[in-house]
Amino acid sequence: MPSHSPLPTPASSAAPPAALPRFDSTELLKGATTVEIQHAGQRYLLRVTRENKLILTK
């Protein structure tokens, strides 16, 4: 029977995760319920629903 070597552990499990940039939604929305985000030449809309959830659409 062939011997199996143990699977390598992912690098992310060995080191603590780096802090991700964090933005408060009020900073992005600035009182609006919809904002436009430009990314790689494409237009996206970030909007707040009546249930106070965020939706990102293209």
N, C-alpha and C. Protein backbone atom coordinates (compact mmCIF):
# COMPACT_ATOMS: atom_id res chain seq x y z
N MET A 1 0.82 -1.18 0.00
CA MET A 1 0.00 0.00 0.00
C MET A 1 0.87 1.24 0.00
N PRO A 2 0.50 2.24 -0.80
CA PRO A 2 1.30 3.48 -0.80
C PRO A 2 1.06 4.26 0.49
N SER A 3 2.13 4.86 0.98
CA SER A 3 1.97 5.67 2.19
C SER A 3 1.50 7.07 1.81
N HIS A 4 0.64 7.62 2.63
CA HIS A 4 0.12 8.96 2.38
C HIS A 4 0.80 9.93 3.33
N SER A 5 1.27 11.03 2.77
CA SER A 5 1.87 12.05 3.64
C SER A 5 0.75 12.92 4.19
N PRO A 6 0.94 13.48 5.37
CA PRO A 6 -0.11 14.33 5.95
C PRO A 6 -0.36 15.56 5.08
N LEU A 7 -1.59 16.02 5.10
CA LEU A 7 -1.93 17.21 4.32
C LEU A 7 -1.26 18.43 4.94
N PRO A 8 -0.77 19.35 4.10
CA PRO A 8 -0.16 20.55 4.66
C PRO A 8 -1.22 21.42 5.32
N THR A 9 -0.83 22.10 6.38
CA THR A 9 -1.76 22.99 7.04
C THR A 9 -1.76 24.33 6.31
N PRO A 10 -2.92 24.96 6.17
CA PRO A 10 -2.97 26.25 5.49
C PRO A 10 -2.15 27.29 6.25
N ALA A 11 -1.52 28.19 5.53
CA ALA A 11 -0.69 29.21 6.15
C ALA A 11 -1.51 30.10 7.07
N SER A 12 -2.78 30.29 6.74
CA SER A 12 -3.61 31.18 7.55
C SER A 12 -3.84 30.63 8.95
N SER A 13 -3.75 29.32 9.13
CA SER A 13 -3.96 28.76 10.46
C SER A 13 -2.72 28.90 11.33
N ALA A 14 -1.56 29.11 10.72
CA ALA A 14 -0.33 29.20 11.47
C ALA A 14 -0.12 30.60 12.05
N ALA A 15 -0.59 31.63 11.35
CA ALA A 15 -0.39 33.00 11.80
C ALA A 15 -1.74 33.63 12.13
N PRO A 16 -1.74 34.57 13.07
CA PRO A 16 -3.00 35.24 13.36
C PRO A 16 -3.46 36.06 12.15
N PRO A 17 -4.77 36.14 11.93
CA PRO A 17 -5.25 36.88 10.76
C PRO A 17 -4.92 38.36 10.87
N ALA A 18 -4.59 38.95 9.74
CA ALA A 18 -4.30 40.38 9.70
C ALA A 18 -5.61 41.15 9.85
N ALA A 19 -5.56 42.28 10.47
CA ALA A 19 -6.76 43.10 10.64
C ALA A 19 -7.18 43.64 9.28
N LEU A 20 -8.45 43.47 8.97
CA LEU A 20 -8.99 44.00 7.72
C LEU A 20 -9.38 45.46 7.90
N PRO A 21 -9.26 46.26 6.85
CA PRO A 21 -9.76 47.63 6.96
C PRO A 21 -11.24 47.59 7.29
N ARG A 22 -11.68 48.46 8.18
CA ARG A 22 -13.08 48.48 8.59
C ARG A 22 -13.64 49.89 8.39
N PHE A 23 -14.82 49.95 7.77
CA PHE A 23 -15.49 51.22 7.54
C PHE A 23 -16.88 51.13 8.16
N ASP A 24 -17.26 52.15 8.87
CA ASP A 24 -18.62 52.21 9.39
C ASP A 24 -19.54 52.58 8.24
N SER A 25 -20.68 51.94 8.15
CA SER A 25 -21.60 52.21 7.04
C SER A 25 -22.04 53.66 7.00
N THR A 26 -22.12 54.30 8.16
CA THR A 26 -22.52 55.71 8.16
C THR A 26 -21.48 56.59 7.49
N GLU A 27 -20.20 56.19 7.54
CA GLU A 27 -19.15 56.92 6.84
C GLU A 27 -19.33 56.81 5.33
N LEU A 28 -19.70 55.61 4.86
CA LEU A 28 -19.88 55.40 3.43
C LEU A 28 -21.15 56.05 2.91
N LEU A 29 -22.23 55.91 3.66
CA LEU A 29 -23.53 56.38 3.20
C LEU A 29 -23.76 57.87 3.43
N LYS A 30 -23.17 58.43 4.46
CA LYS A 30 -23.30 59.86 4.79
C LYS A 30 -24.75 60.34 4.73
N GLY A 31 -25.65 59.56 5.34
CA GLY A 31 -27.05 59.95 5.41
C GLY A 31 -27.91 59.50 4.24
N ALA A 32 -27.30 59.02 3.17
CA ALA A 32 -28.05 58.54 2.00
C ALA A 32 -28.45 57.09 2.22
N THR A 33 -29.43 56.62 1.45
CA THR A 33 -29.80 55.21 1.52
C THR A 33 -29.15 54.42 0.39
N THR A 34 -28.57 55.11 -0.59
CA THR A 34 -27.89 54.46 -1.71
C THR A 34 -26.65 55.26 -2.07
N VAL A 35 -25.54 54.56 -2.30
CA VAL A 35 -24.31 55.21 -2.78
C VAL A 35 -23.79 54.42 -3.98
N GLU A 36 -23.06 55.12 -4.82
CA GLU A 36 -22.46 54.49 -6.00
C GLU A 36 -20.99 54.21 -5.69
N ILE A 37 -20.55 53.01 -6.05
CA ILE A 37 -19.16 52.61 -5.85
C ILE A 37 -18.58 52.27 -7.23
N GLN A 38 -17.47 52.89 -7.56
CA GLN A 38 -16.78 52.64 -8.82
C GLN A 38 -15.68 51.62 -8.56
N HIS A 39 -15.66 50.51 -9.32
CA HIS A 39 -14.63 49.48 -9.14
C HIS A 39 -14.29 48.88 -10.49
N ALA A 40 -13.03 48.97 -10.88
CA ALA A 40 -12.52 48.37 -12.12
C ALA A 40 -13.37 48.78 -13.32
N GLY A 41 -13.74 50.06 -13.36
CA GLY A 41 -14.52 50.56 -14.50
C GLY A 41 -15.99 50.19 -14.46
N GLN A 42 -16.43 49.55 -13.39
CA GLN A 42 -17.83 49.14 -13.26
C GLN A 42 -18.50 49.96 -12.16
N ARG A 43 -19.80 50.18 -12.31
CA ARG A 43 -20.57 50.92 -11.32
C ARG A 43 -21.38 49.94 -10.47
N TYR A 44 -21.26 50.07 -9.17
CA TYR A 44 -22.02 49.25 -8.23
C TYR A 44 -22.84 50.18 -7.34
N LEU A 45 -23.98 49.69 -6.87
CA LEU A 45 -24.80 50.45 -5.95
C LEU A 45 -24.86 49.71 -4.62
N LEU A 46 -24.59 50.43 -3.55
CA LEU A 46 -24.72 49.91 -2.20
C LEU A 46 -25.93 50.60 -1.60
N ARG A 47 -26.92 49.81 -1.19
CA ARG A 47 -28.12 50.44 -0.64
C ARG A 47 -28.55 49.76 0.64
N VAL A 48 -29.29 50.54 1.43
CA VAL A 48 -29.83 50.06 2.69
C VAL A 48 -31.30 49.71 2.46
N THR A 49 -31.71 48.53 2.89
CA THR A 49 -33.10 48.10 2.72
C THR A 49 -33.95 48.63 3.86
N ARG A 50 -35.27 48.42 3.74
CA ARG A 50 -36.19 48.81 4.82
C ARG A 50 -35.90 48.06 6.10
N GLU A 51 -35.32 46.87 5.99
CA GLU A 51 -34.97 46.06 7.16
C GLU A 51 -33.57 46.41 7.70
N ASN A 52 -32.98 47.49 7.18
CA ASN A 52 -31.66 47.98 7.58
C ASN A 52 -30.54 46.99 7.25
N LYS A 53 -30.68 46.28 6.14
CA LYS A 53 -29.63 45.39 5.62
C LYS A 53 -28.95 46.10 4.46
N LEU A 54 -27.73 45.67 4.14
CA LEU A 54 -27.01 46.24 3.01
C LEU A 54 -27.06 45.30 1.82
N ILE A 55 -27.26 45.90 0.63
CA ILE A 55 -27.26 45.12 -0.61
C ILE A 55 -26.33 45.82 -1.60
N LEU A 56 -25.42 45.05 -2.21
CA LEU A 56 -24.52 45.55 -3.23
C LEU A 56 -24.93 44.95 -4.56
N THR A 57 -25.25 45.81 -5.53
CA THR A 57 -25.67 45.31 -6.85
C THR A 57 -24.84 45.96 -7.93
N LYS A 58 -24.78 45.30 -9.05
CA LYS A 58 -24.04 45.80 -10.21
C LYS A 58 -24.99 46.52 -11.13
